[in-house]
Amino acid sequence: MILLLSLALAADPAAGKAVFEANCTACHGIAGDGKGPAAMALKVKPADFTQATWWSTRTDTDVAASIRSGKPGTPMSAFTQLTDVQLSNTVAYLRSLAKPAP
C-alpha cells in the first residue's frame, strides 16, 4: 500500500476510467452510480461513487483495499490482477465521479 500512496499524486483518472469500464460497470454502472445491469439481482447493492457522503467516510487506501481484496459478505470480488498503478488510477477515477456535497 505504500506504493499506492506514492502513486496517488501521479494517478491518471483517464487510465482508471478504462480499468473501471473493463471491470466494474456490470455492477457499478457506467456512471459509477451503483446501477449497473447486474445490480438489480444483488442483495447488497454496489457502492454509488457519485455520492460525496459515500466518500466522506473512506480514504483512497480504503477503496483500493476493497478493490484489491474484495469485501466479504458482499458481491464485491477481489481484483488481484490489477497492478498498483491500475489500482491507483482507478481510485483516482472513482473519486472524480463524486458530486460536491450539498
PDB file of N, CA and C in Angstrom:
ATOM      1  N   MET A   1       0.801  -1.194   0.000  1.00  0.00           N
ATOM      2  CA  MET A   1       0.000   0.000   0.000  1.00  0.00           C
ATOM      3  C   MET A   1       0.849   1.266   0.000  1.00  0.00           C
ATOM      4  N   ILE A   2       2.091   1.184   0.463  1.00  0.00           N
ATOM      5  CA  ILE A   2       2.950   2.364   0.435  1.00  0.00           C
ATOM      6  C   ILE A   2       3.140   2.827  -0.996  1.00  0.00           C
ATOM      7  N   LEU A   3       3.343   1.885  -1.910  1.00  0.00           N
ATOM      8  CA  LEU A   3       3.487   2.235  -3.312  1.00  0.00           C
ATOM      9  C   LEU A   3       2.230   2.938  -3.804  1.00  0.00           C
ATOM     10  N   LEU A   4       1.071   2.424  -3.432  1.00  0.00           N
ATOM     11  CA  LEU A   4      -0.196   3.029  -3.849  1.00  0.00           C
ATOM     12  C   LEU A   4      -0.279   4.483  -3.394  1.00  0.00           C
ATOM     13  N   LEU A   5       0.107   4.745  -2.159  1.00  0.00           N
ATOM     14  CA  LEU A   5       0.036   6.107  -1.652  1.00  0.00           C
ATOM     15  C   LEU A   5       0.958   7.038  -2.423  1.00  0.00           C
ATOM     16  N   SER A   6       2.145   6.561  -2.784  1.00  0.00           N
ATOM     17  CA  SER A   6       3.062   7.410  -3.523  1.00  0.00           C
ATOM     18  C   SER A   6       2.586   7.627  -4.947  1.00  0.00           C
ATOM     19  N   LEU A   7       1.857   6.679  -5.497  1.00  0.00           N
ATOM     20  CA  LEU A   7       1.352   6.815  -6.858  1.00  0.00           C
ATOM     21  C   LEU A   7       0.129   7.721  -6.932  1.00  0.00           C
ATOM     22  N   ALA A   8      -0.535   7.946  -5.806  1.00  0.00           N
ATOM     23  CA  ALA A   8      -1.753   8.752  -5.820  1.00  0.00           C
ATOM     24  C   ALA A   8      -1.496  10.147  -6.378  1.00  0.00           C
ATOM     25  N   LEU A   9      -0.312  10.689  -6.138  1.00  0.00           N
ATOM     26  CA  LEU A   9      -0.002  12.019  -6.635  1.00  0.00           C
ATOM     27  C   LEU A   9       0.082  12.039  -8.149  1.00  0.00           C
ATOM     28  N   ALA A  10       0.470  10.920  -8.746  1.00  0.00           N
ATOM     29  CA  ALA A  10       0.643  10.849 -10.191  1.00  0.00           C
ATOM     30  C   ALA A  10      -0.455  10.026 -10.864  1.00  0.00           C
ATOM     31  N   ALA A  11      -1.526   9.742 -10.144  1.00  0.00           N
ATOM     32  CA  ALA A  11      -2.588   8.897 -10.676  1.00  0.00           C
ATOM     33  C   ALA A  11      -3.238   9.540 -11.898  1.00  0.00           C
ATOM     34  N   ASP A  12      -3.657   8.694 -12.822  1.00  0.00           N
ATOM     35  CA  ASP A  12      -4.254   9.128 -14.081  1.00  0.00           C
ATOM     36  C   ASP A  12      -5.713   8.680 -14.136  1.00  0.00           C
ATOM     37  N   PRO A  13      -6.653   9.571 -13.802  1.00  0.00           N
ATOM     38  CA  PRO A  13      -8.068   9.191 -13.818  1.00  0.00           C
ATOM     39  C   PRO A  13      -8.542   8.664 -15.171  1.00  0.00           C
ATOM     40  N   ALA A  14      -8.002   9.178 -16.268  1.00  0.00           N
ATOM     41  CA  ALA A  14      -8.426   8.701 -17.598  1.00  0.00           C
ATOM     42  C   ALA A  14      -8.047   7.237 -17.782  1.00  0.00           C
ATOM     43  N   ALA A  15      -6.858   6.862 -17.322  1.00  0.00           N
ATOM     44  CA  ALA A  15      -6.452   5.456 -17.397  1.00  0.00           C
ATOM     45  C   ALA A  15      -7.308   4.615 -16.447  1.00  0.00           C
ATOM     46  N   GLY A  16      -7.668   5.189 -15.304  1.00  0.00           N
ATOM     47  CA  GLY A  16      -8.533   4.489 -14.355  1.00  0.00           C
ATOM     48  C   GLY A  16      -9.923   4.263 -14.913  1.00  0.00           C
ATOM     49  N   LYS A  17     -10.403   5.194 -15.724  1.00  0.00           N
ATOM     50  CA  LYS A  17     -11.715   5.035 -16.348  1.00  0.00           C
ATOM     51  C   LYS A  17     -11.729   3.797 -17.236  1.00  0.00           C
ATOM     52  N   ALA A  18     -10.664   3.557 -17.969  1.00  0.00           N
ATOM     53  CA  ALA A  18     -10.592   2.372 -18.831  1.00  0.00           C
ATOM     54  C   ALA A  18     -10.635   1.087 -18.010  1.00  0.00           C
ATOM     55  N   VAL A  19      -9.940   1.077 -16.877  1.00  0.00           N
ATOM     56  CA  VAL A  19      -9.958  -0.095 -15.993  1.00  0.00           C
ATOM     57  C   VAL A  19     -11.365  -0.288 -15.428  1.00  0.00           C
ATOM     58  N   PHE A  20     -11.980   0.803 -14.992  1.00  0.00           N
ATOM     59  CA  PHE A  20     -13.340   0.748 -14.450  1.00  0.00           C
ATOM     60  C   PHE A  20     -14.309   0.204 -15.493  1.00  0.00           C
ATOM     61  N   GLU A  21     -14.256   0.737 -16.698  1.00  0.00           N
ATOM     62  CA  GLU A  21     -15.184   0.299 -17.747  1.00  0.00           C
ATOM     63  C   GLU A  21     -14.991  -1.172 -18.086  1.00  0.00           C
ATOM     64  N   ALA A  22     -13.774  -1.665 -18.024  1.00  0.00           N
ATOM     65  CA  ALA A  22     -13.494  -3.064 -18.353  1.00  0.00           C
ATOM     66  C   ALA A  22     -13.875  -4.028 -17.238  1.00  0.00           C
ATOM     67  N   ASN A  23     -13.915  -3.556 -15.989  1.00  0.00           N
ATOM     68  CA  ASN A  23     -14.071  -4.475 -14.864  1.00  0.00           C
ATOM     69  C   ASN A  23     -15.253  -4.223 -13.938  1.00  0.00           C
ATOM     70  N   CYS A  24     -15.817  -3.032 -13.945  1.00  0.00           N
ATOM     71  CA  CYS A  24     -16.713  -2.645 -12.858  1.00  0.00           C
ATOM     72  C   CYS A  24     -18.127  -2.256 -13.259  1.00  0.00           C
ATOM     73  N   THR A  25     -18.351  -1.964 -14.525  1.00  0.00           N
ATOM     74  CA  THR A  25     -19.639  -1.382 -14.918  1.00  0.00           C
ATOM     75  C   THR A  25     -20.816  -2.338 -14.813  1.00  0.00           C
ATOM     76  N   ALA A  26     -20.582  -3.621 -14.858  1.00  0.00           N
ATOM     77  CA  ALA A  26     -21.708  -4.559 -14.754  1.00  0.00           C
ATOM     78  C   ALA A  26     -22.464  -4.351 -13.443  1.00  0.00           C
ATOM     79  N   CYS A  27     -21.739  -4.085 -12.386  1.00  0.00           N
ATOM     80  CA  CYS A  27     -22.386  -3.857 -11.089  1.00  0.00           C
ATOM     81  C   CYS A  27     -22.532  -2.372 -10.756  1.00  0.00           C
ATOM     82  N   HIS A  28     -21.466  -1.604 -10.951  1.00  0.00           N
ATOM     83  CA  HIS A  28     -21.463  -0.200 -10.533  1.00  0.00           C
ATOM     84  C   HIS A  28     -22.041   0.755 -11.567  1.00  0.00           C
ATOM     85  N   GLY A  29     -22.296   0.271 -12.773  1.00  0.00           N
ATOM     86  CA  GLY A  29     -22.878   1.112 -13.815  1.00  0.00           C
ATOM     87  C   GLY A  29     -21.849   1.984 -14.493  1.00  0.00           C
ATOM     88  N   ILE A  30     -22.134   2.378 -15.709  1.00  0.00           N
ATOM     89  CA  ILE A  30     -21.213   3.191 -16.498  1.00  0.00           C
ATOM     90  C   ILE A  30     -20.985   4.549 -15.835  1.00  0.00           C
ATOM     91  N   ALA A  31     -21.965   5.049 -15.093  1.00  0.00           N
ATOM     92  CA  ALA A  31     -21.829   6.335 -14.406  1.00  0.00           C
ATOM     93  C   ALA A  31     -21.223   6.187 -13.009  1.00  0.00           C
ATOM     94  N   GLY A  32     -20.998   4.946 -12.566  1.00  0.00           N
ATOM     95  CA  GLY A  32     -20.454   4.726 -11.229  1.00  0.00           C
ATOM     96  C   GLY A  32     -21.461   4.938 -10.123  1.00  0.00           C
ATOM     97  N   ASP A  33     -22.738   4.920 -10.475  1.00  0.00           N
ATOM     98  CA  ASP A  33     -23.803   5.207  -9.506  1.00  0.00           C
ATOM     99  C   ASP A  33     -24.402   3.963  -8.851  1.00  0.00           C
ATOM    100  N   GLY A  34     -23.781   2.806  -9.072  1.00  0.00           N
ATOM    101  CA  GLY A  34     -24.273   1.575  -8.450  1.00  0.00           C
ATOM    102  C   GLY A  34     -25.470   0.974  -9.144  1.00  0.00           C
ATOM    103  N   LYS A  35     -25.762   1.423 -10.362  1.00  0.00           N
ATOM    104  CA  LYS A  35     -26.959   0.962 -11.068  1.00  0.00           C
ATOM    105  C   LYS A  35     -26.604   0.226 -12.355  1.00  0.00           C
ATOM    106  N   GLY A  36     -25.621  -0.657 -12.258  1.00  0.00           N
ATOM    107  CA  GLY A  36     -25.253  -1.467 -13.412  1.00  0.00           C
ATOM    108  C   GLY A  36     -26.286  -2.541 -13.661  1.00  0.00           C
ATOM    109  N   PRO A  37     -26.253  -3.200 -14.818  1.00  0.00           N
ATOM    110  CA  PRO A  37     -27.257  -4.203 -15.152  1.00  0.00           C
ATOM    111  C   PRO A  37     -27.313  -5.377 -14.176  1.00  0.00           C
ATOM    112  N   ALA A  38     -26.205  -5.714 -13.542  1.00  0.00           N
ATOM    113  CA  ALA A  38     -26.208  -6.826 -12.584  1.00  0.00           C
ATOM    114  C   ALA A  38     -26.689  -6.399 -11.202  1.00  0.00           C
ATOM    115  N   ALA A  39     -26.736  -5.113 -10.930  1.00  0.00           N
ATOM    116  CA  ALA A  39     -27.065  -4.605  -9.593  1.00  0.00           C
ATOM    117  C   ALA A  39     -28.456  -5.023  -9.125  1.00  0.00           C
ATOM    118  N   MET A  40     -29.406  -5.117 -10.050  1.00  0.00           N
ATOM    119  CA  MET A  40     -30.778  -5.472  -9.657  1.00  0.00           C
ATOM    120  C   MET A  40     -30.849  -6.831  -8.980  1.00  0.00           C
ATOM    121  N   ALA A  41     -29.971  -7.752  -9.360  1.00  0.00           N
ATOM    122  CA  ALA A  41     -30.013  -9.104  -8.819  1.00  0.00           C
ATOM    123  C   ALA A  41     -29.225  -9.254  -7.518  1.00  0.00           C
ATOM    124  N   LEU A  42     -28.562  -8.211  -7.078  1.00  0.00           N
ATOM    125  CA  LEU A  42     -27.710  -8.306  -5.895  1.00  0.00           C
ATOM    126  C   LEU A  42     -28.459  -7.883  -4.640  1.00  0.00           C
ATOM    127  N   LYS A  43     -28.305  -8.678  -3.580  1.00  0.00           N
ATOM    128  CA  LYS A  43     -28.937  -8.320  -2.303  1.00  0.00           C
ATOM    129  C   LYS A  43     -28.249  -7.120  -1.669  1.00  0.00           C
ATOM    130  N   VAL A  44     -26.931  -7.109  -1.728  1.00  0.00           N
ATOM    131  CA  VAL A  44     -26.158  -5.962  -1.246  1.00  0.00           C
ATOM    132  C   VAL A  44     -25.842  -5.121  -2.472  1.00  0.00           C
ATOM    133  N   LYS A  45     -26.367  -3.919  -2.504  1.00  0.00           N
ATOM    134  CA  LYS A  45     -26.225  -3.059  -3.684  1.00  0.00           C
ATOM    135  C   LYS A  45     -24.805  -2.514  -3.797  1.00  0.00           C
ATOM    136  N   PRO A  46     -24.328  -2.342  -5.012  1.00  0.00           N
ATOM    137  CA  PRO A  46     -22.991  -1.793  -5.228  1.00  0.00           C
ATOM    138  C   PRO A  46     -22.881  -0.346  -4.749  1.00  0.00           C
ATOM    139  N   ALA A  47     -21.675   0.045  -4.430  1.00  0.00           N
ATOM    140  CA  ALA A  47     -21.424   1.419  -3.992  1.00  0.00           C
ATOM    141  C   ALA A  47     -21.780   2.405  -5.100  1.00  0.00           C
ATOM    142  N   ASP A  48     -22.261   3.562  -4.676  1.00  0.00           N
ATOM    143  CA  ASP A  48     -22.544   4.675  -5.573  1.00  0.00           C
ATOM    144  C   ASP A  48     -21.417   5.683  -5.401  1.00  0.00           C
ATOM    145  N   PHE A  49     -20.477   5.664  -6.325  1.00  0.00           N
ATOM    146  CA  PHE A  49     -19.287   6.506  -6.228  1.00  0.00           C
ATOM    147  C   PHE A  49     -19.574   7.972  -6.528  1.00  0.00           C
ATOM    148  N   THR A  50     -20.795   8.281  -6.923  1.00  0.00           N
ATOM    149  CA  THR A  50     -21.129   9.672  -7.234  1.00  0.00           C
ATOM    150  C   THR A  50     -21.533  10.462  -5.990  1.00  0.00           C
ATOM    151  N   GLN A  51     -21.736   9.782  -4.878  1.00  0.00           N
ATOM    152  CA  GLN A  51     -22.221  10.422  -3.660  1.00  0.00           C
ATOM    153  C   GLN A  51     -21.071  10.895  -2.762  1.00  0.00           C
ATOM    154  N   ALA A  52     -21.011  12.179  -2.523  1.00  0.00           N
ATOM    155  CA  ALA A  52     -19.978  12.746  -1.648  1.00  0.00           C
ATOM    156  C   ALA A  52     -20.047  12.133  -0.258  1.00  0.00           C
ATOM    157  N   THR A  53     -21.249  11.790   0.197  1.00  0.00           N
ATOM    158  CA  THR A  53     -21.384  11.191   1.526  1.00  0.00           C
ATOM    159  C   THR A  53     -20.695   9.831   1.598  1.00  0.00           C
ATOM    160  N   TRP A  54     -20.716   9.079   0.498  1.00  0.00           N
ATOM    161  CA  TRP A  54     -20.018   7.783   0.478  1.00  0.00           C
ATOM    162  C   TRP A  54     -18.524   8.011   0.661  1.00  0.00           C
ATOM    163  N   TRP A  55     -17.983   8.994  -0.014  1.00  0.00           N
ATOM    164  CA  TRP A  55     -16.548   9.288   0.057  1.00  0.00           C
ATOM    165  C   TRP A  55     -16.142   9.896   1.387  1.00  0.00           C
ATOM    166  N   SER A  56     -17.074  10.501   2.099  1.00  0.00           N
ATOM    167  CA  SER A  56     -16.731  11.205   3.336  1.00  0.00           C
ATOM    168  C   SER A  56     -16.194  10.280   4.422  1.00  0.00           C
ATOM    169  N   THR A  57     -16.461   8.999   4.313  1.00  0.00           N
ATOM    170  CA  THR A  57     -16.006   8.058   5.340  1.00  0.00           C
ATOM    171  C   THR A  57     -14.946   7.087   4.821  1.00  0.00           C
ATOM    172  N   ARG A  58     -14.397   7.350   3.637  1.00  0.00           N
ATOM    173  CA  ARG A  58     -13.430   6.424   3.037  1.00  0.00           C
ATOM    174  C   ARG A  58     -12.203   7.174   2.516  1.00  0.00           C
ATOM    175  N   THR A  59     -11.063   6.554   2.725  1.00  0.00           N
ATOM    176  CA  THR A  59      -9.834   7.088   2.151  1.00  0.00           C
ATOM    177  C   THR A  59      -9.547   6.355   0.843  1.00  0.00           C
ATOM    178  N   ASP A  60      -8.654   6.898   0.061  1.00  0.00           N
ATOM    179  CA  ASP A  60      -8.243   6.217  -1.169  1.00  0.00           C
ATOM    180  C   ASP A  60      -7.659   4.846  -0.850  1.00  0.00           C
ATOM    181  N   THR A  61      -6.928   4.752   0.242  1.00  0.00           N
ATOM    182  CA  THR A  61      -6.343   3.477   0.650  1.00  0.00           C
ATOM    183  C   THR A  61      -7.436   2.465   0.976  1.00  0.00           C
ATOM    184  N   ASP A  62      -8.507   2.896   1.646  1.00  0.00           N
ATOM    185  CA  ASP A  62      -9.644   2.010   1.950  1.00  0.00           C
ATOM    186  C   ASP A  62     -10.271   1.481   0.667  1.00  0.00           C
ATOM    187  N   VAL A  63     -10.496   2.376  -0.279  1.00  0.00           N
ATOM    188  CA  VAL A  63     -11.137   1.985  -1.538  1.00  0.00           C
ATOM    189  C   VAL A  63     -10.240   1.025  -2.315  1.00  0.00           C
ATOM    190  N   ALA A  64      -8.960   1.334  -2.366  1.00  0.00           N
ATOM    191  CA  ALA A  64      -8.009   0.454  -3.064  1.00  0.00           C
ATOM    192  C   ALA A  64      -7.984  -0.930  -2.432  1.00  0.00           C
ATOM    193  N   ALA A  65      -8.012  -0.995  -1.106  1.00  0.00           N
ATOM    194  CA  ALA A  65      -8.007  -2.286  -0.418  1.00  0.00           C
ATOM    195  C   ALA A  65      -9.268  -3.087  -0.743  1.00  0.00           C
ATOM    196  N   SER A  66     -10.407  -2.415  -0.833  1.00  0.00           N
ATOM    197  CA  SER A  66     -11.656  -3.107  -1.178  1.00  0.00           C
ATOM    198  C   SER A  66     -11.612  -3.648  -2.599  1.00  0.00           C
ATOM    199  N   ILE A  67     -11.016  -2.892  -3.500  1.00  0.00           N
ATOM    200  CA  ILE A  67     -10.904  -3.361  -4.885  1.00  0.00           C
ATOM    201  C   ILE A  67      -9.941  -4.541  -4.949  1.00  0.00           C
ATOM    202  N   ARG A  68      -8.809  -4.414  -4.306  1.00  0.00           N
ATOM    203  CA  ARG A  68      -7.780  -5.455  -4.360  1.00  0.00           C
ATOM    204  C   ARG A  68      -8.232  -6.745  -3.685  1.00  0.00           C
ATOM    205  N   SER A  69      -8.871  -6.623  -2.520  1.00  0.00           N
ATOM    206  CA  SER A  69      -9.194  -7.802  -1.714  1.00  0.00           C
ATOM    207  C   SER A  69     -10.653  -8.223  -1.743  1.00  0.00           C
ATOM    208  N   GLY A  70     -11.526  -7.388  -2.308  1.00  0.00           N
ATOM    209  CA  GLY A  70     -12.956  -7.678  -2.265  1.00  0.00           C
ATOM    210  C   GLY A  70     -13.521  -7.315  -0.907  1.00  0.00           C
ATOM    211  N   LYS A  71     -14.831  -7.532  -0.749  1.00  0.00           N
ATOM    212  CA  LYS A  71     -15.499  -7.227   0.515  1.00  0.00           C
ATOM    213  C   LYS A  71     -16.298  -8.445   0.949  1.00  0.00           C
ATOM    214  N   PRO A  72     -15.803  -9.169   1.940  1.00  0.00           N
ATOM    215  CA  PRO A  72     -16.519 -10.360   2.415  1.00  0.00           C
ATOM    216  C   PRO A  72     -17.959 -10.020   2.798  1.00  0.00           C
ATOM    217  N   GLY A  73     -18.859 -10.923   2.467  1.00  0.00           N
ATOM    218  CA  GLY A  73     -20.268 -10.724   2.789  1.00  0.00           C
ATOM    219  C   GLY A  73     -21.005  -9.873   1.778  1.00  0.00           C
ATOM    220  N   THR A  74     -20.311  -9.485   0.715  1.00  0.00           N
ATOM    221  CA  THR A  74     -20.927  -8.692  -0.347  1.00  0.00           C
ATOM    222  C   THR A  74     -20.556  -9.320  -1.691  1.00  0.00           C
ATOM    223  N   PRO A  75     -21.191  -8.885  -2.760  1.00  0.00           N
ATOM    224  CA  PRO A  75     -20.822  -9.394  -4.085  1.00  0.00           C
ATOM    225  C   PRO A  75     -19.495  -8.825  -4.612  1.00  0.00           C
ATOM    226  N   MET A  76     -18.881  -7.894  -3.893  1.00  0.00           N
ATOM    227  CA  MET A  76     -17.640  -7.287  -4.359  1.00  0.00           C
ATOM    228  C   MET A  76     -16.507  -8.304  -4.298  1.00  0.00           C
ATOM    229  N   SER A  77     -16.076  -8.744  -5.481  1.00  0.00           N
ATOM    230  CA  SER A  77     -14.995  -9.721  -5.544  1.00  0.00           C
ATOM    231  C   SER A  77     -13.648  -9.020  -5.618  1.00  0.00           C
ATOM    232  N   ALA A  78     -12.597  -9.784  -5.383  1.00  0.00           N
ATOM    233  CA  ALA A  78     -11.232  -9.248  -5.403  1.00  0.00           C
ATOM    234  C   ALA A  78     -10.744  -9.095  -6.840  1.00  0.00           C
ATOM    235  N   PHE A  79     -10.030  -8.018  -7.084  1.00  0.00           N
ATOM    236  CA  PHE A  79      -9.412  -7.776  -8.383  1.00  0.00           C
ATOM    237  C   PHE A  79      -7.899  -7.779  -8.188  1.00  0.00           C
ATOM    238  N   THR A  80      -7.384  -8.966  -7.874  1.00  0.00           N
ATOM    239  CA  THR A  80      -5.964  -9.122  -7.566  1.00  0.00           C
ATOM    240  C   THR A  80      -5.077  -8.983  -8.799  1.00  0.00           C
ATOM    241  N   GLN A  81      -5.672  -9.057  -9.983  1.00  0.00           N
ATOM    242  CA  GLN A  81      -4.889  -8.956 -11.209  1.00  0.00           C
ATOM    243  C   GLN A  81      -4.467  -7.529 -11.536  1.00  0.00           C
ATOM    244  N   LEU A  82      -5.063  -6.548 -10.884  1.00  0.00           N
ATOM    245  CA  LEU A  82      -4.725  -5.155 -11.170  1.00  0.00           C
ATOM    246  C   LEU A  82      -3.365  -4.813 -10.578  1.00  0.00           C
ATOM    247  N   THR A  83      -2.582  -4.093 -11.339  1.00  0.00           N
ATOM    248  CA  THR A  83      -1.297  -3.617 -10.834  1.00  0.00           C
ATOM    249  C   THR A  83      -1.540  -2.464  -9.867  1.00  0.00           C
ATOM    250  N   ASP A  84      -0.513  -2.091  -9.131  1.00  0.00           N
ATOM    251  CA  ASP A  84      -0.637  -0.951  -8.226  1.00  0.00           C
ATOM    252  C   ASP A  84      -0.972   0.321  -9.001  1.00  0.00           C
ATOM    253  N   VAL A  85      -0.388   0.482 -10.172  1.00  0.00           N
ATOM    254  CA  VAL A  85      -0.661   1.669 -10.989  1.00  0.00           C
ATOM    255  C   VAL A  85      -2.115   1.664 -11.452  1.00  0.00           C
ATOM    256  N   GLN A  86      -2.609   0.528 -11.942  1.00  0.00           N
ATOM    257  CA  GLN A  86      -4.006   0.440 -12.359  1.00  0.00           C
ATOM    258  C   GLN A  86      -4.943   0.732 -11.195  1.00  0.00           C
ATOM    259  N   LEU A  87      -4.603   0.215 -10.038  1.00  0.00           N
ATOM    260  CA  LEU A  87      -5.429   0.416  -8.851  1.00  0.00           C
ATOM    261  C   LEU A  87      -5.460   1.893  -8.457  1.00  0.00           C
ATOM    262  N   SER A  88      -4.318   2.527  -8.436  1.00  0.00           N
ATOM    263  CA  SER A  88      -4.243   3.939  -8.098  1.00  0.00           C
ATOM    264  C   SER A  88      -5.015   4.783  -9.110  1.00  0.00           C
ATOM    265  N   ASN A  89      -4.873   4.468 -10.382  1.00  0.00           N
ATOM    266  CA  ASN A  89      -5.596   5.196 -11.426  1.00  0.00           C
ATOM    267  C   ASN A  89      -7.102   5.012 -11.280  1.00  0.00           C
ATOM    268  N   THR A  90      -7.517   3.804 -10.959  1.00  0.00           N
ATOM    269  CA  THR A  90      -8.946   3.516 -10.812  1.00  0.00           C
ATOM    270  C   THR A  90      -9.535   4.276  -9.635  1.00  0.00           C
ATOM    271  N   VAL A  91      -8.840   4.305  -8.525  1.00  0.00           N
ATOM    272  CA  VAL A  91      -9.324   5.058  -7.362  1.00  0.00           C
ATOM    273  C   VAL A  91      -9.416   6.545  -7.708  1.00  0.00           C
ATOM    274  N   ALA A  92      -8.443   7.063  -8.427  1.00  0.00           N
ATOM    275  CA  ALA A  92      -8.487   8.473  -8.842  1.00  0.00           C
ATOM    276  C   ALA A  92      -9.702   8.733  -9.728  1.00  0.00           C
ATOM    277  N   TYR A  93      -9.992   7.802 -10.628  1.00  0.00           N
ATOM    278  CA  TYR A  93     -11.178   7.961 -11.482  1.00  0.00           C
ATOM    279  C   TYR A  93     -12.454   7.917 -10.645  1.00  0.00           C
ATOM    280  N   LEU A  94     -12.560   6.947  -9.748  1.00  0.00           N
ATOM    281  CA  LEU A  94     -13.755   6.830  -8.913  1.00  0.00           C
ATOM    282  C   LEU A  94     -13.978   8.098  -8.104  1.00  0.00           C
ATOM    283  N   ARG A  95     -12.921   8.627  -7.535  1.00  0.00           N
ATOM    284  CA  ARG A  95     -13.043   9.850  -6.748  1.00  0.00           C
ATOM    285  C   ARG A  95     -13.511  11.011  -7.620  1.00  0.00           C
ATOM    286  N   SER A  96     -13.136  11.012  -8.894  1.00  0.00           N
ATOM    287  CA  SER A  96     -13.544  12.100  -9.793  1.00  0.00           C
ATOM    288  C   SER A  96     -15.042  12.074 -10.085  1.00  0.00           C
ATOM    289  N   LEU A  97     -15.704  10.956  -9.802  1.00  0.00           N
ATOM    290  CA  LEU A  97     -17.139  10.828 -10.055  1.00  0.00           C
ATOM    291  C   LEU A  97     -18.001  11.500  -8.986  1.00  0.00           C
ATOM    292  N   ALA A  98     -17.419  11.757  -7.832  1.00  0.00           N
ATOM    293  CA  ALA A  98     -18.194  12.301  -6.710  1.00  0.00           C
ATOM    294  C   ALA A  98     -18.707  13.702  -7.009  1.00  0.00           C
ATOM    295  N   LYS A  99     -19.982  13.867  -6.777  1.00  0.00           N
ATOM    296  CA  LYS A  99     -20.610  15.182  -6.899  1.00  0.00           C
ATOM    297  C   LYS A  99     -20.320  15.953  -5.619  1.00  0.00           C
ATOM    298  N   PRO A 100     -20.210  17.257  -5.701  1.00  0.00           N
ATOM    299  CA  PRO A 100     -19.967  18.043  -4.483  1.00  0.00           C
ATOM    300  C   PRO A 100     -21.090  17.841  -3.453  1.00  0.00           C
ATOM    301  N   ALA A 101     -20.715  17.864  -2.197  1.00  0.00           N
ATOM    302  CA  ALA A 101     -21.720  17.753  -1.130  1.00  0.00           C
ATOM    303  C   ALA A 101     -22.603  19.009  -1.149  1.00  0.00           C
ATOM    304  N   PRO A 102     -23.893  18.826  -0.848  1.00  0.00           N
ATOM    305  CA  PRO A 102     -24.810  19.983  -0.848  1.00  0.00           C
ATOM    306  C   PRO A 102     -24.480  20.968   0.259  1.00  0.00           C
TER     307      PRO A 102
END
